[in-house]
Protein backbone atom coordinates (compact mmCIF):
# COMPACT_ATOMS: atom_id res chain seq x y z
CA UNK A 1 0.00 0.00 0.00
CA UNK A 2 1.48 3.33 -0.98
CA UNK A 3 0.71 6.70 0.49
CA UNK A 4 0.55 10.18 -0.93
CA UNK A 5 -0.09 13.56 0.62
CA UNK A 6 -2.54 15.89 -1.08
CA UNK A 7 -3.77 19.35 -0.25
CA UNK A 8 -7.44 19.71 -1.22
CA UNK A 9 -8.58 23.08 -2.46
CA UNK A 10 -12.20 24.12 -2.64
CA UNK A 11 -11.81 25.22 -6.24
CA UNK A 12 -10.70 21.77 -7.49
CA UNK A 13 -13.88 19.94 -8.59
CA UNK A 14 -12.01 16.75 -9.59
CA UNK A 15 -10.16 16.28 -6.31
CA UNK A 16 -12.74 14.03 -4.67
CA UNK A 17 -12.96 11.80 -7.73
CA UNK A 18 -9.15 11.43 -7.88
CA UNK A 19 -9.02 10.60 -4.17
CA UNK A 20 -11.77 8.01 -4.57
CA UNK A 21 -9.87 6.35 -7.41
CA UNK A 22 -6.61 6.36 -5.45
CA UNK A 23 -8.29 4.80 -2.40
CA UNK A 24 -9.98 2.22 -4.62
CA UNK A 25 -6.51 1.34 -5.93
CA UNK A 26 -5.32 0.66 -2.37
CA UNK A 27 -3.63 3.95 -1.59
CA UNK A 28 -3.79 5.70 1.77
CA UNK A 29 -4.05 9.42 1.14
CA UNK A 30 -3.23 11.84 3.92
CA UNK A 31 -4.97 15.18 3.76
CA UNK A 32 -2.86 18.01 5.07
CA UNK A 33 -3.37 21.54 6.25
CA UNK A 34 -0.28 23.71 6.26
CA UNK A 35 1.84 20.59 5.91
CA UNK A 36 0.29 18.81 8.92
CA UNK A 37 -1.73 15.61 8.50
CA UNK A 38 -5.32 16.21 9.56
CA UNK A 39 -7.22 13.29 8.01
CA UNK A 40 -6.83 10.27 5.77
CA UNK A 41 -8.75 8.74 2.90
CA UNK A 42 -8.31 4.98 3.06
CA UNK A 43 -9.60 2.01 1.10
CA UNK A 44 -12.97 0.83 2.42
CA UNK A 45 -11.66 -2.64 3.28
CA UNK A 46 -8.96 -1.09 5.46
CA UNK A 47 -11.53 1.07 7.28
CA UNK A 48 -13.77 -1.97 7.78
CA UNK A 49 -10.83 -3.95 9.22
CA UNK A 50 -10.04 -1.11 11.61
CA UNK A 51 -13.68 -1.01 12.74
CA UNK A 52 -13.64 -4.81 13.24
CA UNK A 53 -10.48 -4.57 15.36
CA UNK A 54 -12.00 -1.76 17.43
CA UNK A 55 -15.16 -3.83 17.98
CA UNK A 56 -13.07 -6.83 19.09
CA UNK A 57 -11.15 -4.60 21.49
CA UNK A 58 -14.39 -3.18 22.92
CA UNK A 59 -15.81 -6.67 23.45
CA UNK A 60 -12.59 -7.84 25.13
CA UNK A 61 -12.54 -4.79 27.39
CA UNK A 62 -16.19 -5.29 28.37
CA UNK A 63 -15.64 -8.99 29.08
CA UNK A 64 -12.63 -8.16 31.26
CA UNK A 65 -14.65 -5.57 33.16
CA UNK A 66 -17.52 -7.98 33.71
CA UNK A 67 -15.09 -10.62 34.99
CA UNK A 68 -13.70 -8.32 37.67
CA UNK A 69 -14.69 -9.26 41.20
CA UNK A 70 -17.10 -7.08 43.13
CA UNK A 71 -20.66 -5.94 42.95
CA UNK A 72 -22.09 -4.24 39.90
CA UNK A 73 -23.36 -0.71 40.33
CA UNK A 74 -26.81 -0.12 38.82
CA UNK A 75 -26.88 2.43 36.00
CA UNK A 76 -29.53 4.48 37.79
CA UNK A 77 -27.19 4.85 40.78
CA UNK A 78 -24.30 5.94 38.57
CA UNK A 79 -26.49 8.54 36.86
CA UNK A 80 -27.70 9.85 40.23
CA UNK A 81 -24.16 10.10 41.60
CA UNK A 82 -23.04 11.99 38.49
CA UNK A 83 -26.15 14.21 38.39
CA UNK A 84 -27.06 12.98 34.89
PDB file of N, CA and C in Angstrom:
ATOM      1  N   UNK A   1       0.848  -1.167   0.000  1.00  0.00           N
ATOM      2  CA  UNK A   1       0.000   0.000   0.000  1.00  0.00           C
ATOM      3  C   UNK A   1       0.894   1.231   0.000  1.00  0.00           C
ATOM      4  N   UNK A   2       0.694   2.114  -0.922  1.00  0.00           N
ATOM      5  CA  UNK A   2       1.483   3.330  -0.979  1.00  0.00           C
ATOM      6  C   UNK A   2       0.718   4.461  -0.317  1.00  0.00           C
ATOM      7  N   UNK A   3       1.399   5.555  -0.079  1.00  0.00           N
ATOM      8  CA  UNK A   3       0.711   6.704   0.495  1.00  0.00           C
ATOM      9  C   UNK A   3       1.168   7.968  -0.213  1.00  0.00           C
ATOM     10  N   UNK A   4       0.257   8.897  -0.313  1.00  0.00           N
ATOM     11  CA  UNK A   4       0.546  10.182  -0.931  1.00  0.00           C
ATOM     12  C   UNK A   4      -0.092  11.259  -0.079  1.00  0.00           C
ATOM     13  N   UNK A   5       0.499  12.429  -0.077  1.00  0.00           N
ATOM     14  CA  UNK A   5      -0.092  13.560   0.624  1.00  0.00           C
ATOM     15  C   UNK A   5      -0.663  14.514  -0.416  1.00  0.00           C
ATOM     16  N   UNK A   6      -1.870  14.958  -0.191  1.00  0.00           N
ATOM     17  CA  UNK A   6      -2.542  15.891  -1.080  1.00  0.00           C
ATOM     18  C   UNK A   6      -3.062  17.044  -0.253  1.00  0.00           C
ATOM     19  N   UNK A   7      -3.060  18.216  -0.834  1.00  0.00           N
ATOM     20  CA  UNK A   7      -3.775  19.354  -0.252  1.00  0.00           C
ATOM     21  C   UNK A   7      -5.020  19.535  -1.104  1.00  0.00           C
ATOM     22  N   UNK A   8      -6.195  19.490  -0.491  1.00  0.00           N
ATOM     23  CA  UNK A   8      -7.439  19.712  -1.224  1.00  0.00           C
ATOM     24  C   UNK A   8      -7.767  21.195  -1.217  1.00  0.00           C
ATOM     25  N   UNK A   9      -8.171  21.676  -2.351  1.00  0.00           N
ATOM     26  CA  UNK A   9      -8.581  23.079  -2.461  1.00  0.00           C
ATOM     27  C   UNK A   9     -10.028  23.112  -2.905  1.00  0.00           C
ATOM     28  N   UNK A  10     -10.780  24.018  -2.344  1.00  0.00           N
ATOM     29  CA  UNK A  10     -12.201  24.121  -2.640  1.00  0.00           C
ATOM     30  C   UNK A  10     -12.511  24.385  -4.103  1.00  0.00           C
ATOM     31  N   UNK A  11     -11.548  24.905  -4.842  1.00  0.00           N
ATOM     32  CA  UNK A  11     -11.805  25.222  -6.244  1.00  0.00           C
ATOM     33  C   UNK A  11     -11.366  24.101  -7.190  1.00  0.00           C
ATOM     34  N   UNK A  12     -11.128  22.906  -6.667  1.00  0.00           N
ATOM     35  CA  UNK A  12     -10.697  21.767  -7.488  1.00  0.00           C
ATOM     36  C   UNK A  12     -11.816  20.737  -7.542  1.00  0.00           C
ATOM     37  N   UNK A  13     -12.710  20.830  -8.540  1.00  0.00           N
ATOM     38  CA  UNK A  13     -13.881  19.944  -8.591  1.00  0.00           C
ATOM     39  C   UNK A  13     -13.525  18.474  -8.805  1.00  0.00           C
ATOM     40  N   UNK A  14     -12.369  18.149  -9.336  1.00  0.00           N
ATOM     41  CA  UNK A  14     -12.013  16.754  -9.591  1.00  0.00           C
ATOM     42  C   UNK A  14     -11.273  16.087  -8.463  1.00  0.00           C
ATOM     43  N   UNK A  15     -10.984  16.821  -7.386  1.00  0.00           N
ATOM     44  CA  UNK A  15     -10.165  16.277  -6.310  1.00  0.00           C
ATOM     45  C   UNK A  15     -10.800  15.065  -5.648  1.00  0.00           C
ATOM     46  N   UNK A  16     -12.074  15.135  -5.351  1.00  0.00           N
ATOM     47  CA  UNK A  16     -12.745  14.027  -4.665  1.00  0.00           C
ATOM     48  C   UNK A  16     -12.723  12.779  -5.536  1.00  0.00           C
ATOM     49  N   UNK A  17     -12.976  12.944  -6.810  1.00  0.00           N
ATOM     50  CA  UNK A  17     -12.963  11.796  -7.728  1.00  0.00           C
ATOM     51  C   UNK A  17     -11.571  11.169  -7.789  1.00  0.00           C
ATOM     52  N   UNK A  18     -10.522  11.974  -7.840  1.00  0.00           N
ATOM     53  CA  UNK A  18      -9.150  11.433  -7.875  1.00  0.00           C
ATOM     54  C   UNK A  18      -8.816  10.710  -6.579  1.00  0.00           C
ATOM     55  N   UNK A  19      -9.267  11.258  -5.451  1.00  0.00           N
ATOM     56  CA  UNK A  19      -9.017  10.596  -4.174  1.00  0.00           C
ATOM     57  C   UNK A  19      -9.761   9.271  -4.085  1.00  0.00           C
ATOM     58  N   UNK A  20     -10.995   9.242  -4.580  1.00  0.00           N
ATOM     59  CA  UNK A  20     -11.770   8.006  -4.569  1.00  0.00           C
ATOM     60  C   UNK A  20     -11.083   6.936  -5.412  1.00  0.00           C
ATOM     61  N   UNK A  21     -10.581   7.315  -6.562  1.00  0.00           N
ATOM     62  CA  UNK A  21      -9.874   6.348  -7.414  1.00  0.00           C
ATOM     63  C   UNK A  21      -8.599   5.854  -6.728  1.00  0.00           C
ATOM     64  N   UNK A  22      -7.852   6.755  -6.116  1.00  0.00           N
ATOM     65  CA  UNK A  22      -6.612   6.364  -5.445  1.00  0.00           C
ATOM     66  C   UNK A  22      -6.907   5.398  -4.302  1.00  0.00           C
ATOM     67  N   UNK A  23      -7.935   5.689  -3.504  1.00  0.00           N
ATOM     68  CA  UNK A  23      -8.294   4.799  -2.398  1.00  0.00           C
ATOM     69  C   UNK A  23      -8.752   3.456  -2.935  1.00  0.00           C
ATOM     70  N   UNK A  24      -9.520   3.473  -4.012  1.00  0.00           N
ATOM     71  CA  UNK A  24      -9.975   2.220  -4.619  1.00  0.00           C
ATOM     72  C   UNK A  24      -8.784   1.381  -5.073  1.00  0.00           C
ATOM     73  N   UNK A  25      -7.717   2.034  -5.484  1.00  0.00           N
ATOM     74  CA  UNK A  25      -6.510   1.336  -5.930  1.00  0.00           C
ATOM     75  C   UNK A  25      -5.611   0.917  -4.775  1.00  0.00           C
ATOM     76  N   UNK A  26      -6.065   1.126  -3.535  1.00  0.00           N
ATOM     77  CA  UNK A  26      -5.318   0.663  -2.373  1.00  0.00           C
ATOM     78  C   UNK A  26      -4.422   1.698  -1.726  1.00  0.00           C
ATOM     79  N   UNK A  27      -4.490   2.918  -2.166  1.00  0.00           N
ATOM     80  CA  UNK A  27      -3.634   3.951  -1.591  1.00  0.00           C
ATOM     81  C   UNK A  27      -4.250   4.541  -0.321  1.00  0.00           C
ATOM     82  N   UNK A  28      -3.398   4.915   0.606  1.00  0.00           N
ATOM     83  CA  UNK A  28      -3.794   5.697   1.772  1.00  0.00           C
ATOM     84  C   UNK A  28      -3.372   7.123   1.467  1.00  0.00           C
ATOM     85  N   UNK A  29      -4.334   8.034   1.471  1.00  0.00           N
ATOM     86  CA  UNK A  29      -4.049   9.417   1.136  1.00  0.00           C
ATOM     87  C   UNK A  29      -4.219  10.264   2.372  1.00  0.00           C
ATOM     88  N   UNK A  30      -3.169  10.950   2.765  1.00  0.00           N
ATOM     89  CA  UNK A  30      -3.228  11.842   3.919  1.00  0.00           C
ATOM     90  C   UNK A  30      -3.573  13.236   3.443  1.00  0.00           C
ATOM     91  N   UNK A  31      -4.587  13.807   4.055  1.00  0.00           N
ATOM     92  CA  UNK A  31      -4.969  15.182   3.764  1.00  0.00           C
ATOM     93  C   UNK A  31      -4.237  16.078   4.748  1.00  0.00           C
ATOM     94  N   UNK A  32      -3.664  17.133   4.231  1.00  0.00           N
ATOM     95  CA  UNK A  32      -2.864  18.005   5.074  1.00  0.00           C
ATOM     96  C   UNK A  32      -3.414  19.420   5.079  1.00  0.00           C
ATOM     97  N   UNK A  33      -3.091  20.115   6.142  1.00  0.00           N
ATOM     98  CA  UNK A  33      -3.373  21.544   6.245  1.00  0.00           C
ATOM     99  C   UNK A  33      -2.081  22.172   6.736  1.00  0.00           C
ATOM    100  N   UNK A  34      -1.540  23.058   5.930  1.00  0.00           N
ATOM    101  CA  UNK A  34      -0.279  23.714   6.255  1.00  0.00           C
ATOM    102  C   UNK A  34       0.816  22.685   6.542  1.00  0.00           C
ATOM    103  N   UNK A  35       0.812  21.604   5.770  1.00  0.00           N
ATOM    104  CA  UNK A  35       1.839  20.590   5.908  1.00  0.00           C
ATOM    105  C   UNK A  35       1.634  19.589   7.030  1.00  0.00           C
ATOM    106  N   UNK A  36       0.565  19.720   7.801  1.00  0.00           N
ATOM    107  CA  UNK A  36       0.288  18.807   8.918  1.00  0.00           C
ATOM    108  C   UNK A  36      -0.861  17.877   8.543  1.00  0.00           C
ATOM    109  N   UNK A  37      -0.673  16.577   8.794  1.00  0.00           N
ATOM    110  CA  UNK A  37      -1.727  15.606   8.500  1.00  0.00           C
ATOM    111  C   UNK A  37      -2.926  15.852   9.404  1.00  0.00           C
ATOM    112  N   UNK A  38      -4.102  15.968   8.790  1.00  0.00           N
ATOM    113  CA  UNK A  38      -5.323  16.211   9.560  1.00  0.00           C
ATOM    114  C   UNK A  38      -6.377  15.138   9.351  1.00  0.00           C
ATOM    115  N   UNK A  39      -6.247  14.345   8.293  1.00  0.00           N
ATOM    116  CA  UNK A  39      -7.221  13.290   8.006  1.00  0.00           C
ATOM    117  C   UNK A  39      -6.601  12.340   6.992  1.00  0.00           C
ATOM    118  N   UNK A  40      -7.297  11.220   6.769  1.00  0.00           N
ATOM    119  CA  UNK A  40      -6.827  10.271   5.770  1.00  0.00           C
ATOM    120  C   UNK A  40      -8.010   9.703   5.007  1.00  0.00           C
ATOM    121  N   UNK A  41      -7.799   9.459   3.738  1.00  0.00           N
ATOM    122  CA  UNK A  41      -8.748   8.735   2.899  1.00  0.00           C
ATOM    123  C   UNK A  41      -8.122   7.362   2.715  1.00  0.00           C
ATOM    124  N   UNK A  42      -8.856   6.335   3.116  1.00  0.00           N
ATOM    125  CA  UNK A  42      -8.310   4.978   3.063  1.00  0.00           C
ATOM    126  C   UNK A  42      -9.250   4.068   2.284  1.00  0.00           C
ATOM    127  N   UNK A  43      -8.712   2.970   1.756  1.00  0.00           N
ATOM    128  CA  UNK A  43      -9.603   2.011   1.100  1.00  0.00           C
ATOM    129  C   UNK A  43     -10.654   1.510   2.083  1.00  0.00           C
ATOM    130  N   UNK A  44     -11.854   1.245   1.564  1.00  0.00           N
ATOM    131  CA  UNK A  44     -12.968   0.835   2.419  1.00  0.00           C
ATOM    132  C   UNK A  44     -12.648  -0.432   3.192  1.00  0.00           C
ATOM    133  N   UNK A  45     -11.952  -1.392   2.565  1.00  0.00           N
ATOM    134  CA  UNK A  45     -11.664  -2.637   3.284  1.00  0.00           C
ATOM    135  C   UNK A  45     -10.733  -2.397   4.465  1.00  0.00           C
ATOM    136  N   UNK A  46      -9.834  -1.424   4.342  1.00  0.00           N
ATOM    137  CA  UNK A  46      -8.959  -1.085   5.461  1.00  0.00           C
ATOM    138  C   UNK A  46      -9.759  -0.442   6.597  1.00  0.00           C
ATOM    139  N   UNK A  47     -10.683   0.448   6.262  1.00  0.00           N
ATOM    140  CA  UNK A  47     -11.533   1.073   7.276  1.00  0.00           C
ATOM    141  C   UNK A  47     -12.404   0.029   7.970  1.00  0.00           C
ATOM    142  N   UNK A  48     -12.943  -0.914   7.194  1.00  0.00           N
ATOM    143  CA  UNK A  48     -13.766  -1.973   7.778  1.00  0.00           C
ATOM    144  C   UNK A  48     -12.947  -2.852   8.717  1.00  0.00           C
ATOM    145  N   UNK A  49     -11.699  -3.146   8.345  1.00  0.00           N
ATOM    146  CA  UNK A  49     -10.825  -3.951   9.215  1.00  0.00           C
ATOM    147  C   UNK A  49     -10.526  -3.198  10.508  1.00  0.00           C
ATOM    148  N   UNK A  50     -10.280  -1.912  10.414  1.00  0.00           N
ATOM    149  CA  UNK A  50     -10.036  -1.108  11.612  1.00  0.00           C
ATOM    150  C   UNK A  50     -11.264  -1.120  12.515  1.00  0.00           C
ATOM    151  N   UNK A  51     -12.451  -0.977  11.940  1.00  0.00           N
ATOM    152  CA  UNK A  51     -13.678  -1.013  12.737  1.00  0.00           C
ATOM    153  C   UNK A  51     -13.858  -2.379  13.403  1.00  0.00           C
ATOM    154  N   UNK A  52     -13.530  -3.462  12.670  1.00  0.00           N
ATOM    155  CA  UNK A  52     -13.636  -4.809  13.238  1.00  0.00           C
ATOM    156  C   UNK A  52     -12.691  -4.969  14.419  1.00  0.00           C
ATOM    157  N   UNK A  53     -11.460  -4.487  14.267  1.00  0.00           N
ATOM    158  CA  UNK A  53     -10.485  -4.575  15.360  1.00  0.00           C
ATOM    159  C   UNK A  53     -10.929  -3.758  16.570  1.00  0.00           C
ATOM    160  N   UNK A  54     -11.496  -2.576  16.326  1.00  0.00           N
ATOM    161  CA  UNK A  54     -12.001  -1.759  17.426  1.00  0.00           C
ATOM    162  C   UNK A  54     -13.146  -2.468  18.144  1.00  0.00           C
ATOM    163  N   UNK A  55     -14.049  -3.086  17.384  1.00  0.00           N
ATOM    164  CA  UNK A  55     -15.161  -3.826  17.983  1.00  0.00           C
ATOM    165  C   UNK A  55     -14.646  -4.976  18.840  1.00  0.00           C
ATOM    166  N   UNK A  56     -13.660  -5.722  18.317  1.00  0.00           N
ATOM    167  CA  UNK A  56     -13.069  -6.826  19.086  1.00  0.00           C
ATOM    168  C   UNK A  56     -12.447  -6.316  20.386  1.00  0.00           C
ATOM    169  N   UNK A  57     -11.767  -5.190  20.301  1.00  0.00           N
ATOM    170  CA  UNK A  57     -11.151  -4.602  21.495  1.00  0.00           C
ATOM    171  C   UNK A  57     -12.217  -4.205  22.508  1.00  0.00           C
ATOM    172  N   UNK A  58     -13.303  -3.584  22.029  1.00  0.00           N
ATOM    173  CA  UNK A  58     -14.393  -3.177  22.925  1.00  0.00           C
ATOM    174  C   UNK A  58     -15.011  -4.385  23.617  1.00  0.00           C
ATOM    175  N   UNK A  59     -15.226  -5.466  22.872  1.00  0.00           N
ATOM    176  CA  UNK A  59     -15.811  -6.673  23.454  1.00  0.00           C
ATOM    177  C   UNK A  59     -14.864  -7.250  24.511  1.00  0.00           C
ATOM    178  N   UNK A  60     -13.580  -7.329  24.169  1.00  0.00           N
ATOM    179  CA  UNK A  60     -12.591  -7.844  25.126  1.00  0.00           C
ATOM    180  C   UNK A  60     -12.559  -7.005  26.400  1.00  0.00           C
ATOM    181  N   UNK A  61     -12.575  -5.698  26.240  1.00  0.00           N
ATOM    182  CA  UNK A  61     -12.541  -4.790  27.391  1.00  0.00           C
ATOM    183  C   UNK A  61     -13.792  -4.973  28.254  1.00  0.00           C
ATOM    184  N   UNK A  62     -14.946  -5.097  27.620  1.00  0.00           N
ATOM    185  CA  UNK A  62     -16.192  -5.294  28.366  1.00  0.00           C
ATOM    186  C   UNK A  62     -16.174  -6.629  29.100  1.00  0.00           C
ATOM    187  N   UNK A  63     -15.705  -7.680  28.431  1.00  0.00           N
ATOM    188  CA  UNK A  63     -15.638  -8.991  29.077  1.00  0.00           C
ATOM    189  C   UNK A  63     -14.697  -8.974  30.281  1.00  0.00           C
ATOM    190  N   UNK A  64     -13.569  -8.277  30.143  1.00  0.00           N
ATOM    191  CA  UNK A  64     -12.633  -8.165  31.262  1.00  0.00           C
ATOM    192  C   UNK A  64     -13.268  -7.410  32.423  1.00  0.00           C
ATOM    193  N   UNK A  65     -13.994  -6.344  32.113  1.00  0.00           N
ATOM    194  CA  UNK A  65     -14.648  -5.566  33.162  1.00  0.00           C
ATOM    195  C   UNK A  65     -15.715  -6.392  33.867  1.00  0.00           C
ATOM    196  N   UNK A  66     -16.476  -7.156  33.103  1.00  0.00           N
ATOM    197  CA  UNK A  66     -17.523  -7.984  33.705  1.00  0.00           C
ATOM    198  C   UNK A  66     -16.946  -9.108  34.557  1.00  0.00           C
ATOM    199  N   UNK A  67     -15.723  -9.534  34.246  1.00  0.00           N
ATOM    200  CA  UNK A  67     -15.093 -10.623  34.990  1.00  0.00           C
ATOM    201  C   UNK A  67     -14.433 -10.150  36.285  1.00  0.00           C
ATOM    202  N   UNK A  68     -14.322  -8.841  36.459  1.00  0.00           N
ATOM    203  CA  UNK A  68     -13.700  -8.315  37.673  1.00  0.00           C
ATOM    204  C   UNK A  68     -14.568  -8.648  38.882  1.00  0.00           C
ATOM    205  N   UNK A  69     -13.911  -8.957  40.003  1.00  0.00           N
ATOM    206  CA  UNK A  69     -14.689  -9.257  41.205  1.00  0.00           C
ATOM    207  C   UNK A  69     -15.377  -7.998  41.746  1.00  0.00           C
ATOM    208  N   UNK A  70     -16.398  -8.200  42.503  1.00  0.00           N
ATOM    209  CA  UNK A  70     -17.097  -7.080  43.126  1.00  0.00           C
ATOM    210  C   UNK A  70     -18.514  -6.964  42.608  1.00  0.00           C
ATOM    211  N   UNK A  71     -19.268  -6.142  43.306  1.00  0.00           N
ATOM    212  CA  UNK A  71     -20.664  -5.938  42.954  1.00  0.00           C
ATOM    213  C   UNK A  71     -20.778  -4.963  41.786  1.00  0.00           C
ATOM    214  N   UNK A  72     -21.778  -5.187  40.972  1.00  0.00           N
ATOM    215  CA  UNK A  72     -22.092  -4.243  39.903  1.00  0.00           C
ATOM    216  C   UNK A  72     -22.839  -3.057  40.500  1.00  0.00           C
ATOM    217  N   UNK A  73     -22.655  -1.910  39.891  1.00  0.00           N
ATOM    218  CA  UNK A  73     -23.357  -0.709  40.333  1.00  0.00           C
ATOM    219  C   UNK A  73     -24.458  -0.449  39.317  1.00  0.00           C
ATOM    220  N   UNK A  74     -25.703  -0.371  39.759  1.00  0.00           N
ATOM    221  CA  UNK A  74     -26.807  -0.118  38.822  1.00  0.00           C
ATOM    222  C   UNK A  74     -26.629   1.215  38.097  1.00  0.00           C
ATOM    223  N   UNK A  75     -27.006   1.233  36.822  1.00  0.00           N
ATOM    224  CA  UNK A  75     -26.878   2.432  36.001  1.00  0.00           C
ATOM    225  C   UNK A  75     -27.618   3.614  36.619  1.00  0.00           C
ATOM    226  N   UNK A  76     -28.777   3.384  37.182  1.00  0.00           N
ATOM    227  CA  UNK A  76     -29.534   4.482  37.795  1.00  0.00           C
ATOM    228  C   UNK A  76     -28.738   5.116  38.940  1.00  0.00           C
ATOM    229  N   UNK A  77     -28.014   4.313  39.691  1.00  0.00           N
ATOM    230  CA  UNK A  77     -27.190   4.847  40.779  1.00  0.00           C
ATOM    231  C   UNK A  77     -26.043   5.658  40.242  1.00  0.00           C
ATOM    232  N   UNK A  78     -25.402   5.185  39.194  1.00  0.00           N
ATOM    233  CA  UNK A  78     -24.297   5.935  38.565  1.00  0.00           C
ATOM    234  C   UNK A  78     -24.796   7.286  38.074  1.00  0.00           C
ATOM    235  N   UNK A  79     -25.938   7.286  37.357  1.00  0.00           N
ATOM    236  CA  UNK A  79     -26.494   8.540  36.856  1.00  0.00           C
ATOM    237  C   UNK A  79     -26.803   9.502  37.997  1.00  0.00           C
ATOM    238  N   UNK A  80     -27.359   8.974  39.091  1.00  0.00           N
ATOM    239  CA  UNK A  80     -27.697   9.847  40.235  1.00  0.00           C
ATOM    240  C   UNK A  80     -26.437  10.436  40.847  1.00  0.00           C
ATOM    241  N   UNK A  81     -25.406   9.620  40.995  1.00  0.00           N
ATOM    242  CA  UNK A  81     -24.155  10.103  41.597  1.00  0.00           C
ATOM    243  C   UNK A  81     -23.460  11.137  40.718  1.00  0.00           C
ATOM    244  N   UNK A  82     -23.663  11.049  39.403  1.00  0.00           N
ATOM    245  CA  UNK A  82     -23.039  11.991  38.486  1.00  0.00           C
ATOM    246  C   UNK A  82     -23.975  13.137  38.084  1.00  0.00           C
ATOM    247  N   UNK A  83     -25.146  13.182  38.706  1.00  0.00           N
ATOM    248  CA  UNK A  83     -26.148  14.206  38.386  1.00  0.00           C
ATOM    249  C   UNK A  83     -26.493  14.234  36.896  1.00  0.00           C
ATOM    250  N   UNK A  84     -26.692  13.048  36.320  1.00  0.00           N
ATOM    251  CA  UNK A  84     -27.057  12.975  34.894  1.00  0.00           C
ATOM    252  C   UNK A  84     -28.549  12.893  34.732  1.00  0.00           C
TER     253      UNK A  84
END
